[in-house]
Structure formats: structure tokens, C-alpha cells
Amino acid sequence: MNIIAGKVSSFPTRTLLYEKGERIDTISYIKSGSVTVQDDTSSYVVSAGNFIGISDIYMEFYRADYYAEAGCEIIPILADSPNSFTQFLGSNPAIHETLVVPMCTVIVNLHDMYHSLYSDIS
């Protein structure tokens, strides 16, 4: 799949967006519709207003297949370096407002996961 960072893209139902084992180049914000995430043992749906690929970013590859569902529109964001998100926002000011709240939610969730993991080992 040729997904272009910063370009809002629409996809037909059951289009493979990210393939399991593929190297991560982008994560995506679901602007509308939903995405089915399918791995070897489960399948679940991620709805608009959420990100896909975030939980895979530290593995450097996608751990599941991601399929567009009806009405799916995504905003792909570069995820190839720690500074790529900052650079992406700097070059795409028109979508800042769309991503502020979802990114704050991701930051809080990552903080909570880190805190939980740290508490478990100390």
C-alpha cells in the first residue's frame, strides 16, 4: 500500500492499509470510518478519532494487518524517527487542530502504561 504522510486518504472496504511484518513508516489517525486490526489470535475494530500503528511503533514493524472499513479516511503521520511527528506538524499546520486532542490522549495513555510498567518492576 502506498500511503503518503500528511495526505488525507479514503479507501474502499477491506483495503489492506498496513501488513503484518511490514516495517513501520507511518502511523495513522482515523479521521472517519473505522479500521479492523487482525492478528493471529484476534480481530477488533478501531473507530474514528483514534490512531492505528501506535502500539507497534517500538517494535519497528506492524504486529497485525490493518484493514480499512466502510467510509474510512486516514491521516498518515511519519513515524520513522523520534522527531518525525514534530517535523510533520511543522510542515502540515492545517491539521494541527484535528490532531491536538487525540495526540494528548496518546501521550497520557503512554504515560499511564509507562507508570504501570515501572510500578510493576519496582
PDB file of N, CA and C in Angstrom:
ATOM      1  N   MET A   1       0.849  -1.183   0.000  1.00  0.00           N
ATOM      2  CA  MET A   1       0.000   0.000   0.000  1.00  0.00           C
ATOM      3  C   MET A   1       0.885   1.233   0.000  1.00  0.00           C
ATOM      4  N   ASN A   2       0.580   2.165  -0.869  1.00  0.00           N
ATOM      5  CA  ASN A   2       1.355   3.395  -0.952  1.00  0.00           C
ATOM      6  C   ASN A   2       0.617   4.500  -0.205  1.00  0.00           C
ATOM      7  N   ILE A   3       0.901   4.610   1.082  1.00  0.00           N
ATOM      8  CA  ILE A   3       0.280   5.621   1.933  1.00  0.00           C
ATOM      9  C   ILE A   3       1.229   6.809   2.022  1.00  0.00           C
ATOM     10  N   ILE A   4       0.689   8.008   1.793  1.00  0.00           N
ATOM     11  CA  ILE A   4       1.512   9.215   1.772  1.00  0.00           C
ATOM     12  C   ILE A   4       1.252  10.035   3.034  1.00  0.00           C
ATOM     13  N   ALA A   5       2.304  10.272   3.815  1.00  0.00           N
ATOM     14  CA  ALA A   5       2.179  11.044   5.052  1.00  0.00           C
ATOM     15  C   ALA A   5       1.629  12.430   4.778  1.00  0.00           C
ATOM     16  N   GLY A   6       0.679  12.852   5.617  1.00  0.00           N
ATOM     17  CA  GLY A   6       0.106  14.189   5.520  1.00  0.00           C
ATOM     18  C   GLY A   6      -1.037  14.326   4.546  1.00  0.00           C
ATOM     19  N   LYS A   7      -1.304  13.310   3.753  1.00  0.00           N
ATOM     20  CA  LYS A   7      -2.371  13.377   2.765  1.00  0.00           C
ATOM     21  C   LYS A   7      -3.576  12.577   3.270  1.00  0.00           C
ATOM     22  N   VAL A   8      -4.709  13.259   3.443  1.00  0.00           N
ATOM     23  CA  VAL A   8      -5.932  12.570   3.853  1.00  0.00           C
ATOM     24  C   VAL A   8      -6.317  11.629   2.721  1.00  0.00           C
ATOM     25  N   SER A   9      -6.495  10.368   3.063  1.00  0.00           N
ATOM     26  CA  SER A   9      -6.786   9.365   2.040  1.00  0.00           C
ATOM     27  C   SER A   9      -8.023   8.562   2.406  1.00  0.00           C
ATOM     28  N   SER A  10      -8.838   8.256   1.405  1.00  0.00           N
ATOM     29  CA  SER A  10     -10.028   7.408   1.566  1.00  0.00           C
ATOM     30  C   SER A  10      -9.741   6.061   0.930  1.00  0.00           C
ATOM     31  N   PHE A  11     -10.338   5.002   1.490  1.00  0.00           N
ATOM     32  CA  PHE A  11     -10.093   3.656   0.996  1.00  0.00           C
ATOM     33  C   PHE A  11     -11.383   2.860   0.922  1.00  0.00           C
ATOM     34  N   PRO A  12     -11.478   1.970  -0.073  1.00  0.00           N
ATOM     35  CA  PRO A  12     -12.632   1.071  -0.133  1.00  0.00           C
ATOM     36  C   PRO A  12     -12.583   0.063   1.015  1.00  0.00           C
ATOM     37  N   THR A  13     -13.730  -0.502   1.341  1.00  0.00           N
ATOM     38  CA  THR A  13     -13.838  -1.506   2.396  1.00  0.00           C
ATOM     39  C   THR A  13     -12.892  -2.674   2.148  1.00  0.00           C
ATOM     40  N   ARG A  14     -12.268  -3.127   3.244  1.00  0.00           N
ATOM     41  CA  ARG A  14     -11.337  -4.267   3.286  1.00  0.00           C
ATOM     42  C   ARG A  14     -10.035  -4.028   2.510  1.00  0.00           C
ATOM     43  N   THR A  15      -9.674  -2.769   2.318  1.00  0.00           N
ATOM     44  CA  THR A  15      -8.369  -2.446   1.740  1.00  0.00           C
ATOM     45  C   THR A  15      -7.310  -2.638   2.815  1.00  0.00           C
ATOM     46  N   LEU A  16      -6.249  -3.372   2.496  1.00  0.00           N
ATOM     47  CA  LEU A  16      -5.148  -3.568   3.435  1.00  0.00           C
ATOM     48  C   LEU A  16      -4.326  -2.289   3.506  1.00  0.00           C
ATOM     49  N   LEU A  17      -4.307  -1.669   4.685  1.00  0.00           N
ATOM     50  CA  LEU A  17      -3.558  -0.426   4.881  1.00  0.00           C
ATOM     51  C   LEU A  17      -2.120  -0.720   5.307  1.00  0.00           C
ATOM     52  N   TYR A  18      -1.980  -1.554   6.311  1.00  0.00           N
ATOM     53  CA  TYR A  18      -0.673  -1.955   6.828  1.00  0.00           C
ATOM     54  C   TYR A  18      -0.658  -3.470   6.953  1.00  0.00           C
ATOM     55  N   GLU A  19       0.447  -4.077   6.561  1.00  0.00           N
ATOM     56  CA  GLU A  19       0.562  -5.533   6.579  1.00  0.00           C
ATOM     57  C   GLU A  19       1.474  -5.996   7.715  1.00  0.00           C
ATOM     58  N   LYS A  20       1.038  -7.031   8.393  1.00  0.00           N
ATOM     59  CA  LYS A  20       1.814  -7.608   9.487  1.00  0.00           C
ATOM     60  C   LYS A  20       3.237  -7.916   9.010  1.00  0.00           C
ATOM     61  N   GLY A  21       4.229  -7.500   9.818  1.00  0.00           N
ATOM     62  CA  GLY A  21       5.626  -7.742   9.489  1.00  0.00           C
ATOM     63  C   GLY A  21       6.274  -6.649   8.663  1.00  0.00           C
ATOM     64  N   GLU A  22       5.460  -5.765   8.085  1.00  0.00           N
ATOM     65  CA  GLU A  22       5.976  -4.658   7.281  1.00  0.00           C
ATOM     66  C   GLU A  22       6.639  -3.627   8.202  1.00  0.00           C
ATOM     67  N   ARG A  23       7.736  -3.042   7.752  1.00  0.00           N
ATOM     68  CA  ARG A  23       8.435  -2.016   8.536  1.00  0.00           C
ATOM     69  C   ARG A  23       7.541  -0.784   8.682  1.00  0.00           C
ATOM     70  N   ILE A  24       7.526  -0.208   9.864  1.00  0.00           N
ATOM     71  CA  ILE A  24       6.696   0.972  10.119  1.00  0.00           C
ATOM     72  C   ILE A  24       7.333   2.215   9.509  1.00  0.00           C
ATOM     73  N   ASP A  25       6.582   2.862   8.639  1.00  0.00           N
ATOM     74  CA  ASP A  25       6.971   4.161   8.101  1.00  0.00           C
ATOM     75  C   ASP A  25       6.021   5.237   8.599  1.00  0.00           C
ATOM     76  N   THR A  26       4.738   4.850   8.766  1.00  0.00           N
ATOM     77  CA  THR A  26       3.728   5.806   9.234  1.00  0.00           C
ATOM     78  C   THR A  26       2.826   5.146  10.272  1.00  0.00           C
ATOM     79  N   ILE A  27       2.235   5.994  11.100  1.00  0.00           N
ATOM     80  CA  ILE A  27       1.088   5.625  11.911  1.00  0.00           C
ATOM     81  C   ILE A  27      -0.041   6.456  11.329  1.00  0.00           C
ATOM     82  N   SER A  28      -1.290   6.148  11.647  1.00  0.00           N
ATOM     83  CA  SER A  28      -2.379   6.915  11.043  1.00  0.00           C
ATOM     84  C   SER A  28      -3.454   7.280  12.046  1.00  0.00           C
ATOM     85  N   TYR A  29      -3.976   8.479  11.874  1.00  0.00           N
ATOM     86  CA  TYR A  29      -5.136   8.956  12.612  1.00  0.00           C
ATOM     87  C   TYR A  29      -6.356   8.624  11.769  1.00  0.00           C
ATOM     88  N   ILE A  30      -7.362   7.983  12.368  1.00  0.00           N
ATOM     89  CA  ILE A  30      -8.591   7.652  11.637  1.00  0.00           C
ATOM     90  C   ILE A  30      -9.519   8.861  11.713  1.00  0.00           C
ATOM     91  N   LYS A  31      -9.649   9.545  10.601  1.00  0.00           N
ATOM     92  CA  LYS A  31     -10.477  10.760  10.532  1.00  0.00           C
ATOM     93  C   LYS A  31     -11.965  10.406  10.491  1.00  0.00           C
ATOM     94  N   SER A  32     -12.311   9.358   9.744  1.00  0.00           N
ATOM     95  CA  SER A  32     -13.704   8.900   9.701  1.00  0.00           C
ATOM     96  C   SER A  32     -13.722   7.412   9.379  1.00  0.00           C
ATOM     97  N   GLY A  33     -14.855   6.783   9.672  1.00  0.00           N
ATOM     98  CA  GLY A  33     -14.971   5.346   9.437  1.00  0.00           C
ATOM     99  C   GLY A  33     -14.255   4.560  10.512  1.00  0.00           C
ATOM    100  N   SER A  34     -13.733   3.408  10.127  1.00  0.00           N
ATOM    101  CA  SER A  34     -13.043   2.561  11.092  1.00  0.00           C
ATOM    102  C   SER A  34     -12.034   1.663  10.387  1.00  0.00           C
ATOM    103  N   VAL A  35     -11.211   1.001  11.201  1.00  0.00           N
ATOM    104  CA  VAL A  35     -10.181   0.090  10.707  1.00  0.00           C
ATOM    105  C   VAL A  35     -10.258  -1.191  11.526  1.00  0.00           C
ATOM    106  N   THR A  36     -10.220  -2.329  10.848  1.00  0.00           N
ATOM    107  CA  THR A  36     -10.156  -3.617  11.531  1.00  0.00           C
ATOM    108  C   THR A  36      -8.696  -4.009  11.686  1.00  0.00           C
ATOM    109  N   VAL A  37      -8.332  -4.376  12.912  1.00  0.00           N
ATOM    110  CA  VAL A  37      -6.980  -4.832  13.217  1.00  0.00           C
ATOM    111  C   VAL A  37      -7.078  -6.338  13.433  1.00  0.00           C
ATOM    112  N   GLN A  38      -6.284  -7.082  12.664  1.00  0.00           N
ATOM    113  CA  GLN A  38      -6.383  -8.538  12.705  1.00  0.00           C
ATOM    114  C   GLN A  38      -4.991  -9.152  12.843  1.00  0.00           C
ATOM    115  N   ASP A  39      -4.807  -9.926  13.947  1.00  0.00           N
ATOM    116  CA  ASP A  39      -3.544 -10.648  14.113  1.00  0.00           C
ATOM    117  C   ASP A  39      -3.835 -12.146  14.129  1.00  0.00           C
ATOM    118  N   ASP A  40      -2.891 -12.941  14.554  1.00  0.00           N
ATOM    119  CA  ASP A  40      -3.055 -14.393  14.516  1.00  0.00           C
ATOM    120  C   ASP A  40      -4.145 -14.916  15.446  1.00  0.00           C
ATOM    121  N   THR A  41      -4.439 -14.179  16.510  1.00  0.00           N
ATOM    122  CA  THR A  41      -5.379 -14.692  17.511  1.00  0.00           C
ATOM    123  C   THR A  41      -6.655 -13.885  17.688  1.00  0.00           C
ATOM    124  N   SER A  42      -6.699 -12.667  17.182  1.00  0.00           N
ATOM    125  CA  SER A  42      -7.883 -11.845  17.409  1.00  0.00           C
ATOM    126  C   SER A  42      -8.110 -10.831  16.308  1.00  0.00           C
ATOM    127  N   SER A  43      -9.267 -10.207  16.383  1.00  0.00           N
ATOM    128  CA  SER A  43      -9.641  -9.166  15.443  1.00  0.00           C
ATOM    129  C   SER A  43     -10.497  -8.155  16.203  1.00  0.00           C
ATOM    130  N   TYR A  44     -10.222  -6.872  16.008  1.00  0.00           N
ATOM    131  CA  TYR A  44     -11.029  -5.849  16.659  1.00  0.00           C
ATOM    132  C   TYR A  44     -11.093  -4.619  15.767  1.00  0.00           C
ATOM    133  N   VAL A  45     -12.050  -3.746  16.043  1.00  0.00           N
ATOM    134  CA  VAL A  45     -12.285  -2.558  15.225  1.00  0.00           C
ATOM    135  C   VAL A  45     -11.853  -1.318  15.995  1.00  0.00           C
ATOM    136  N   VAL A  46     -11.131  -0.436  15.300  1.00  0.00           N
ATOM    137  CA  VAL A  46     -10.705   0.847  15.851  1.00  0.00           C
ATOM    138  C   VAL A  46     -11.492   1.925  15.109  1.00  0.00           C
ATOM    139  N   SER A  47     -12.177   2.775  15.857  1.00  0.00           N
ATOM    140  CA  SER A  47     -13.075   3.753  15.240  1.00  0.00           C
ATOM    141  C   SER A  47     -12.411   5.111  15.036  1.00  0.00           C
ATOM    142  N   ALA A  48     -13.130   5.975  14.344  1.00  0.00           N
ATOM    143  CA  ALA A  48     -12.663   7.332  14.062  1.00  0.00           C
ATOM    144  C   ALA A  48     -12.286   8.040  15.355  1.00  0.00           C
ATOM    145  N   GLY A  49     -11.247   8.875  15.270  1.00  0.00           N
ATOM    146  CA  GLY A  49     -10.783   9.611  16.430  1.00  0.00           C
ATOM    147  C   GLY A  49      -9.642   8.922  17.154  1.00  0.00           C
ATOM    148  N   ASN A  50      -9.219   7.773  16.637  1.00  0.00           N
ATOM    149  CA  ASN A  50      -8.130   7.016  17.243  1.00  0.00           C
ATOM    150  C   ASN A  50      -6.991   6.836  16.245  1.00  0.00           C
ATOM    151  N   PHE A  51      -5.864   6.372  16.753  1.00  0.00           N
ATOM    152  CA  PHE A  51      -4.703   6.099  15.922  1.00  0.00           C
ATOM    153  C   PHE A  51      -4.529   4.600  15.709  1.00  0.00           C
ATOM    154  N   ILE A  52      -3.931   4.248  14.573  1.00  0.00           N
ATOM    155  CA  ILE A  52      -3.516   2.865  14.342  1.00  0.00           C
ATOM    156  C   ILE A  52      -2.007   2.850  14.144  1.00  0.00           C
ATOM    157  N   GLY A  53      -1.380   1.786  14.596  1.00  0.00           N
ATOM    158  CA  GLY A  53       0.056   1.638  14.447  1.00  0.00           C
ATOM    159  C   GLY A  53       0.863   2.150  15.628  1.00  0.00           C
ATOM    160  N   ILE A  54       0.236   2.898  16.524  1.00  0.00           N
ATOM    161  CA  ILE A  54       0.949   3.468  17.670  1.00  0.00           C
ATOM    162  C   ILE A  54       1.539   2.360  18.550  1.00  0.00           C
ATOM    163  N   SER A  55       0.769   1.322  18.829  1.00  0.00           N
ATOM    164  CA  SER A  55       1.268   0.268  19.724  1.00  0.00           C
ATOM    165  C   SER A  55       2.383  -0.551  19.077  1.00  0.00           C
ATOM    166  N   ASP A  56       2.531  -0.452  17.771  1.00  0.00           N
ATOM    167  CA  ASP A  56       3.563  -1.208  17.053  1.00  0.00           C
ATOM    168  C   ASP A  56       4.877  -0.443  16.914  1.00  0.00           C
ATOM    169  N   ILE A  57       4.848   0.823  17.206  1.00  0.00           N
ATOM    170  CA  ILE A  57       5.963   1.701  16.851  1.00  0.00           C
ATOM    171  C   ILE A  57       7.295   1.280  17.481  1.00  0.00           C
ATOM    172  N   TYR A  58       7.257   0.743  18.692  1.00  0.00           N
ATOM    173  CA  TYR A  58       8.512   0.349  19.341  1.00  0.00           C
ATOM    174  C   TYR A  58       9.060  -0.964  18.811  1.00  0.00           C
ATOM    175  N   MET A  59       8.232  -1.733  18.125  1.00  0.00           N
ATOM    176  CA  MET A  59       8.677  -2.992  17.525  1.00  0.00           C
ATOM    177  C   MET A  59       9.330  -2.744  16.173  1.00  0.00           C
ATOM    178  N   GLU A  60       9.068  -1.589  15.587  1.00  0.00           N
ATOM    179  CA  GLU A  60       9.567  -1.172  14.276  1.00  0.00           C
ATOM    180  C   GLU A  60       8.934  -1.924  13.110  1.00  0.00           C
ATOM    181  N   PHE A  61       7.891  -2.701  13.385  1.00  0.00           N
ATOM    182  CA  PHE A  61       7.129  -3.364  12.330  1.00  0.00           C
ATOM    183  C   PHE A  61       5.688  -3.498  12.818  1.00  0.00           C
ATOM    184  N   TYR A  62       4.769  -3.657  11.881  1.00  0.00           N
ATOM    185  CA  TYR A  62       3.360  -3.815  12.246  1.00  0.00           C
ATOM    186  C   TYR A  62       3.132  -5.228  12.758  1.00  0.00           C
ATOM    187  N   ARG A  63       2.487  -5.360  13.918  1.00  0.00           N
ATOM    188  CA  ARG A  63       2.243  -6.659  14.528  1.00  0.00           C
ATOM    189  C   ARG A  63       0.922  -7.283  14.093  1.00  0.00           C
ATOM    190  N   ALA A  64       0.204  -6.603  13.216  1.00  0.00           N
ATOM    191  CA  ALA A  64      -1.088  -7.094  12.741  1.00  0.00           C
ATOM    192  C   ALA A  64      -1.356  -6.522  11.355  1.00  0.00           C
ATOM    193  N   ASP A  65      -2.400  -7.043  10.715  1.00  0.00           N
ATOM    194  CA  ASP A  65      -2.887  -6.464   9.462  1.00  0.00           C
ATOM    195  C   ASP A  65      -3.943  -5.429   9.814  1.00  0.00           C
ATOM    196  N   TYR A  66      -3.946  -4.302   9.112  1.00  0.00           N
ATOM    197  CA  TYR A  66      -4.901  -3.220   9.330  1.00  0.00           C
ATOM    198  C   TYR A  66      -5.712  -3.046   8.053  1.00  0.00           C
ATOM    199  N   TYR A  67      -7.041  -3.222   8.168  1.00  0.00           N
ATOM    200  CA  TYR A  67      -7.930  -3.142   7.006  1.00  0.00           C
ATOM    201  C   TYR A  67      -8.899  -1.976   7.144  1.00  0.00           C
ATOM    202  N   ALA A  68      -9.013  -1.171   6.091  1.00  0.00           N
ATOM    203  CA  ALA A  68      -9.995  -0.088   6.060  1.00  0.00           C
ATOM    204  C   ALA A  68     -11.398  -0.684   6.011  1.00  0.00           C
ATOM    205  N   GLU A  69     -12.320  -0.062   6.710  1.00  0.00           N
ATOM    206  CA  GLU A  69     -13.727  -0.448   6.646  1.00  0.00           C
ATOM    207  C   GLU A  69     -14.514   0.675   5.963  1.00  0.00           C
ATOM    208  N   ALA A  70     -15.798   0.499   5.806  1.00  0.00           N
ATOM    209  CA  ALA A  70     -16.634   1.445   5.066  1.00  0.00           C
ATOM    210  C   ALA A  70     -16.437   2.881   5.562  1.00  0.00           C
ATOM    211  N   GLY A  71     -16.237   3.791   4.625  1.00  0.00           N
ATOM    212  CA  GLY A  71     -16.107   5.206   4.949  1.00  0.00           C
ATOM    213  C   GLY A  71     -14.790   5.596   5.593  1.00  0.00           C
ATOM    214  N   CYS A  72     -13.787   4.766   5.468  1.00  0.00           N
ATOM    215  CA  CYS A  72     -12.507   5.013   6.139  1.00  0.00           C
ATOM    216  C   CYS A  72     -11.702   6.125   5.464  1.00  0.00           C
ATOM    217  N   GLU A  73     -11.341   7.116   6.269  1.00  0.00           N
ATOM    218  CA  GLU A  73     -10.418   8.174   5.871  1.00  0.00           C
ATOM    219  C   GLU A  73      -9.338   8.238   6.939  1.00  0.00           C
ATOM    220  N   ILE A  74      -8.085   8.242   6.521  1.00  0.00           N
ATOM    221  CA  ILE A  74      -6.991   8.317   7.482  1.00  0.00           C
ATOM    222  C   ILE A  74      -6.060   9.477   7.151  1.00  0.00           C
ATOM    223  N   ILE A  75      -5.339   9.927   8.184  1.00  0.00           N
ATOM    224  CA  ILE A  75      -4.279  10.911   8.015  1.00  0.00           C
ATOM    225  C   ILE A  75      -2.992  10.222   8.472  1.00  0.00           C
ATOM    226  N   PRO A  76      -2.166   9.767   7.536  1.00  0.00           N
ATOM    227  CA  PRO A  76      -0.901   9.118   7.902  1.00  0.00           C
ATOM    228  C   PRO A  76       0.124  10.135   8.405  1.00  0.00           C
ATOM    229  N   ILE A  77       0.895   9.726   9.405  1.00  0.00           N
ATOM    230  CA  ILE A  77       1.903  10.578  10.014  1.00  0.00           C
ATOM    231  C   ILE A  77       3.224   9.815  10.016  1.00  0.00           C
ATOM    232  N   LEU A  78       4.288  10.454   9.556  1.00  0.00           N
ATOM    233  CA  LEU A  78       5.600   9.805   9.550  1.00  0.00           C
ATOM    234  C   LEU A  78       5.965   9.305  10.938  1.00  0.00           C
ATOM    235  N   ALA A  79       6.516   8.109  10.994  1.00  0.00           N
ATOM    236  CA  ALA A  79       6.928   7.518  12.268  1.00  0.00           C
ATOM    237  C   ALA A  79       8.284   6.864  12.104  1.00  0.00           C
ATOM    238  N   ASP A  80       9.147   7.489  11.329  1.00  0.00           N
ATOM    239  CA  ASP A  80      10.439   6.874  11.039  1.00  0.00           C
ATOM    240  C   ASP A  80      11.574   7.374  11.927  1.00  0.00           C
ATOM    241  N   SER A  81      11.301   8.363  12.791  1.00  0.00           N
ATOM    242  CA  SER A  81      12.304   8.840  13.737  1.00  0.00           C
ATOM    243  C   SER A  81      11.594   9.549  14.888  1.00  0.00           C
ATOM    244  N   PRO A  82      12.274   9.728  16.024  1.00  0.00           N
ATOM    245  CA  PRO A  82      11.635  10.408  17.155  1.00  0.00           C
ATOM    246  C   PRO A  82      11.175  11.829  16.843  1.00  0.00           C
ATOM    247  N   ASN A  83      11.841  12.508  15.929  1.00  0.00           N
ATOM    248  CA  ASN A  83      11.479  13.892  15.607  1.00  0.00           C
ATOM    249  C   ASN A  83      10.490  14.003  14.452  1.00  0.00           C
ATOM    250  N   SER A  84      10.117  12.893  13.856  1.00  0.00           N
ATOM    251  CA  SER A  84       9.291  12.963  12.651  1.00  0.00           C
ATOM    252  C   SER A  84       7.915  13.565  12.900  1.00  0.00           C
ATOM    253  N   PHE A  85       7.307  13.317  14.075  1.00  0.00           N
ATOM    254  CA  PHE A  85       5.987  13.874  14.342  1.00  0.00           C
ATOM    255  C   PHE A  85       6.057  15.391  14.439  1.00  0.00           C
ATOM    256  N   THR A  86       7.075  15.914  15.120  1.00  0.00           N
ATOM    257  CA  THR A  86       7.252  17.359  15.233  1.00  0.00           C
ATOM    258  C   THR A  86       7.457  17.982  13.855  1.00  0.00           C
ATOM    259  N   GLN A  87       8.296  17.352  13.053  1.00  0.00           N
ATOM    260  CA  GLN A  87       8.544  17.845  11.703  1.00  0.00           C
ATOM    261  C   GLN A  87       7.271  17.774  10.861  1.00  0.00           C
ATOM    262  N   PHE A  88       6.519  16.699  11.025  1.00  0.00           N
ATOM    263  CA  PHE A  88       5.265  16.532  10.291  1.00  0.00           C
ATOM    264  C   PHE A  88       4.298  17.666  10.622  1.00  0.00           C
ATOM    265  N   LEU A  89       4.119  17.953  11.908  1.00  0.00           N
ATOM    266  CA  LEU A  89       3.208  19.024  12.305  1.00  0.00           C
ATOM    267  C   LEU A  89       3.685  20.377  11.788  1.00  0.00           C
ATOM    268  N   GLY A  90       4.989  20.599  11.822  1.00  0.00           N
ATOM    269  CA  GLY A  90       5.541  21.863  11.328  1.00  0.00           C
ATOM    270  C   GLY A  90       5.266  22.093   9.856  1.00  0.00           C
ATOM    271  N   SER A  91       5.226  21.022   9.084  1.00  0.00           N
ATOM    272  CA  SER A  91       5.007  21.165   7.649  1.00  0.00           C
ATOM    273  C   SER A  91       3.546  20.983   7.242  1.00  0.00           C
ATOM    274  N   ASN A  92       2.665  20.683   8.202  1.00  0.00           N
ATOM    275  CA  ASN A  92       1.238  20.487   7.919  1.00  0.00           C
ATOM    276  C   ASN A  92       0.366  21.228   8.941  1.00  0.00           C
ATOM    277  N   PRO A  93       0.476  22.555   9.025  1.00  0.00           N
ATOM    278  CA  PRO A  93      -0.264  23.292  10.054  1.00  0.00           C
ATOM    279  C   PRO A  93      -1.790  23.200   9.929  1.00  0.00           C
ATOM    280  N   ALA A  94      -2.284  22.884   8.759  1.00  0.00           N
ATOM    281  CA  ALA A  94      -3.739  22.836   8.563  1.00  0.00           C
ATOM    282  C   ALA A  94      -4.412  21.731   9.385  1.00  0.00           C
ATOM    283  N   ILE A  95      -3.669  20.705   9.758  1.00  0.00           N
ATOM    284  CA  ILE A  95      -4.310  19.616  10.506  1.00  0.00           C
ATOM    285  C   ILE A  95      -3.965  19.623  11.994  1.00  0.00           C
ATOM    286  N   HIS A  96      -3.287  20.650  12.480  1.00  0.00           N
ATOM    287  CA  HIS A  96      -2.950  20.743  13.911  1.00  0.00           C
ATOM    288  C   HIS A  96      -4.189  20.576  14.777  1.00  0.00           C
ATOM    289  N   GLU A  97      -5.231  21.331  14.468  1.00  0.00           N
ATOM    290  CA  GLU A  97      -6.438  21.321  15.284  1.00  0.00           C
ATOM    291  C   GLU A  97      -7.061  19.928  15.350  1.00  0.00           C
ATOM    292  N   THR A  98      -7.019  19.192  14.255  1.00  0.00           N
ATOM    293  CA  THR A  98      -7.595  17.852  14.201  1.00  0.00           C
ATOM    294  C   THR A  98      -6.854  16.890  15.117  1.00  0.00           C
ATOM    295  N   LEU A  99      -5.540  17.065  15.249  1.00  0.00           N
ATOM    296  CA  LEU A  99      -4.710  16.086  15.952  1.00  0.00           C
ATOM    297  C   LEU A  99      -4.377  16.428  17.395  1.00  0.00           C
ATOM    298  N   VAL A 100      -4.656  17.630  17.858  1.00  0.00           N
ATOM    299  CA  VAL A 100      -4.239  18.036  19.198  1.00  0.00           C
ATOM    300  C   VAL A 100      -4.825  17.130  20.283  1.00  0.00           C
ATOM    301  N   VAL A 101      -6.128  16.985  20.347  1.00  0.00           N
ATOM    302  CA  VAL A 101      -6.751  16.179  21.396  1.00  0.00           C
ATOM    303  C   VAL A 101      -6.366  14.705  21.285  1.00  0.00           C
ATOM    304  N   PRO A 102      -6.438  14.092  20.087  1.00  0.00           N
ATOM    305  CA  PRO A 102      -6.018  12.687  20.011  1.00  0.00           C
ATOM    306  C   PRO A 102      -4.564  12.463  20.421  1.00  0.00           C
ATOM    307  N   MET A 103      -3.661  13.376  20.071  1.00  0.00           N
ATOM    308  CA  MET A 103      -2.262  13.201  20.456  1.00  0.00           C
ATOM    309  C   MET A 103      -2.076  13.361  21.960  1.00  0.00           C
ATOM    310  N   CYS A 104      -2.817  14.269  22.576  1.00  0.00           N
ATOM    311  CA  CYS A 104      -2.750  14.402  24.033  1.00  0.00           C
ATOM    312  C   CYS A 104      -3.227  13.117  24.701  1.00  0.00           C
ATOM    313  N   THR A 105      -4.268  12.511  24.150  1.00  0.00           N
ATOM    314  CA  THR A 105      -4.771  11.240  24.671  1.00  0.00           C
ATOM    315  C   THR A 105      -3.718  10.152  24.551  1.00  0.00           C
ATOM    316  N   VAL A 106      -3.029  10.082  23.420  1.00  0.00           N
ATOM    317  CA  VAL A 106      -1.962   9.101  23.227  1.00  0.00           C
ATOM    318  C   VAL A 106      -0.850   9.322  24.237  1.00  0.00           C
ATOM    319  N   ILE A 107      -0.454  10.566  24.446  1.00  0.00           N
ATOM    320  CA  ILE A 107       0.613  10.878  25.395  1.00  0.00           C
ATOM    321  C   ILE A 107       0.219  10.438  26.802  1.00  0.00           C
ATOM    322  N   VAL A 108      -1.005  10.738  27.206  1.00  0.00           N
ATOM    323  CA  VAL A 108      -1.477  10.325  28.537  1.00  0.00           C
ATOM    324  C   VAL A 108      -1.495   8.805  28.649  1.00  0.00           C
ATOM    325  N   ASN A 109      -1.983   8.118  27.607  1.00  0.00           N
ATOM    326  CA  ASN A 109      -2.024   6.653  27.638  1.00  0.00           C
ATOM    327  C   ASN A 109      -0.621   6.057  27.718  1.00  0.00           C
ATOM    328  N   LEU A 110       0.323   6.599  26.950  1.00  0.00           N
ATOM    329  CA  LEU A 110       1.700   6.111  27.014  1.00  0.00           C
ATOM    330  C   LEU A 110       2.308   6.353  28.390  1.00  0.00           C
ATOM    331  N   HIS A 111       2.020   7.510  28.976  1.00  0.00           N
ATOM    332  CA  HIS A 111       2.496   7.801  30.330  1.00  0.00           C
ATOM    333  C   HIS A 111       1.930   6.798  31.320  1.00  0.00           C
ATOM    334  N   ASP A 112       0.632   6.529  31.231  1.00  0.00           N
ATOM    335  CA  ASP A 112      -0.008   5.575  32.142  1.00  0.00           C
ATOM    336  C   ASP A 112       0.583   4.172  31.989  1.00  0.00           C
ATOM    337  N   MET A 113       0.842   3.753  30.735  1.00  0.00           N
ATOM    338  CA  MET A 113       1.453   2.440  30.510  1.00  0.00           C
ATOM    339  C   MET A 113       2.857   2.397  31.101  1.00  0.00           C
ATOM    340  N   TYR A 114       3.640   3.438  30.883  1.00  0.00           N
ATOM    341  CA  TYR A 114       4.986   3.506  31.431  1.00  0.00           C
ATOM    342  C   TYR A 114       4.940   3.434  32.959  1.00  0.00           C
ATOM    343  N   HIS A 115       4.054   4.221  33.557  1.00  0.00           N
ATOM    344  CA  HIS A 115       3.931   4.248  35.014  1.00  0.00           C
ATOM    345  C   HIS A 115       3.547   2.871  35.550  1.00  0.00           C
ATOM    346  N   SER A 116       2.616   2.224  34.888  1.00  0.00           N
ATOM    347  CA  SER A 116       2.180   0.886  35.302  1.00  0.00           C
ATOM    348  C   SER A 116       3.332  -0.113  35.209  1.00  0.00           C
ATOM    349  N   LEU A 117       4.054  -0.085  34.102  1.00  0.00           N
ATOM    350  CA  LEU A 117       5.190  -0.998  33.937  1.00  0.00           C
ATOM    351  C   LEU A 117       6.290  -0.721  34.958  1.00  0.00           C
ATOM    352  N   TYR A 118       6.564   0.549  35.191  1.00  0.00           N
ATOM    353  CA  TYR A 118       7.588   0.925  36.157  1.00  0.00           C
ATOM    354  C   TYR A 118       7.185   0.481  37.564  1.00  0.00           C
ATOM    355  N   SER A 119       5.908   0.642  37.905  1.00  0.00           N
ATOM    356  CA  SER A 119       5.411   0.216  39.218  1.00  0.00           C
ATOM    357  C   SER A 119       5.546  -1.284  39.402  1.00  0.00           C
ATOM    358  N   ASP A 120       5.347  -2.034  38.320  1.00  0.00           N
ATOM    359  CA  ASP A 120       5.439  -3.494  38.401  1.00  0.00           C
ATOM    360  C   ASP A 120       6.856  -3.973  38.672  1.00  0.00           C
ATOM    361  N   ILE A 121       7.869  -3.209  38.231  1.00  0.00           N
ATOM    362  CA  ILE A 121       9.251  -3.682  38.408  1.00  0.00           C
ATOM    363  C   ILE A 121       9.945  -3.072  39.609  1.00  0.00           C
ATOM    364  N   SER A 122       9.301  -2.121  40.259  1.00  0.00           N
ATOM    365  CA  SER A 122       9.982  -1.510  41.414  1.00  0.00           C
ATOM    366  C   SER A 122       9.406  -1.963  42.729  1.00  0.00           C
TER     367      SER A 122
END
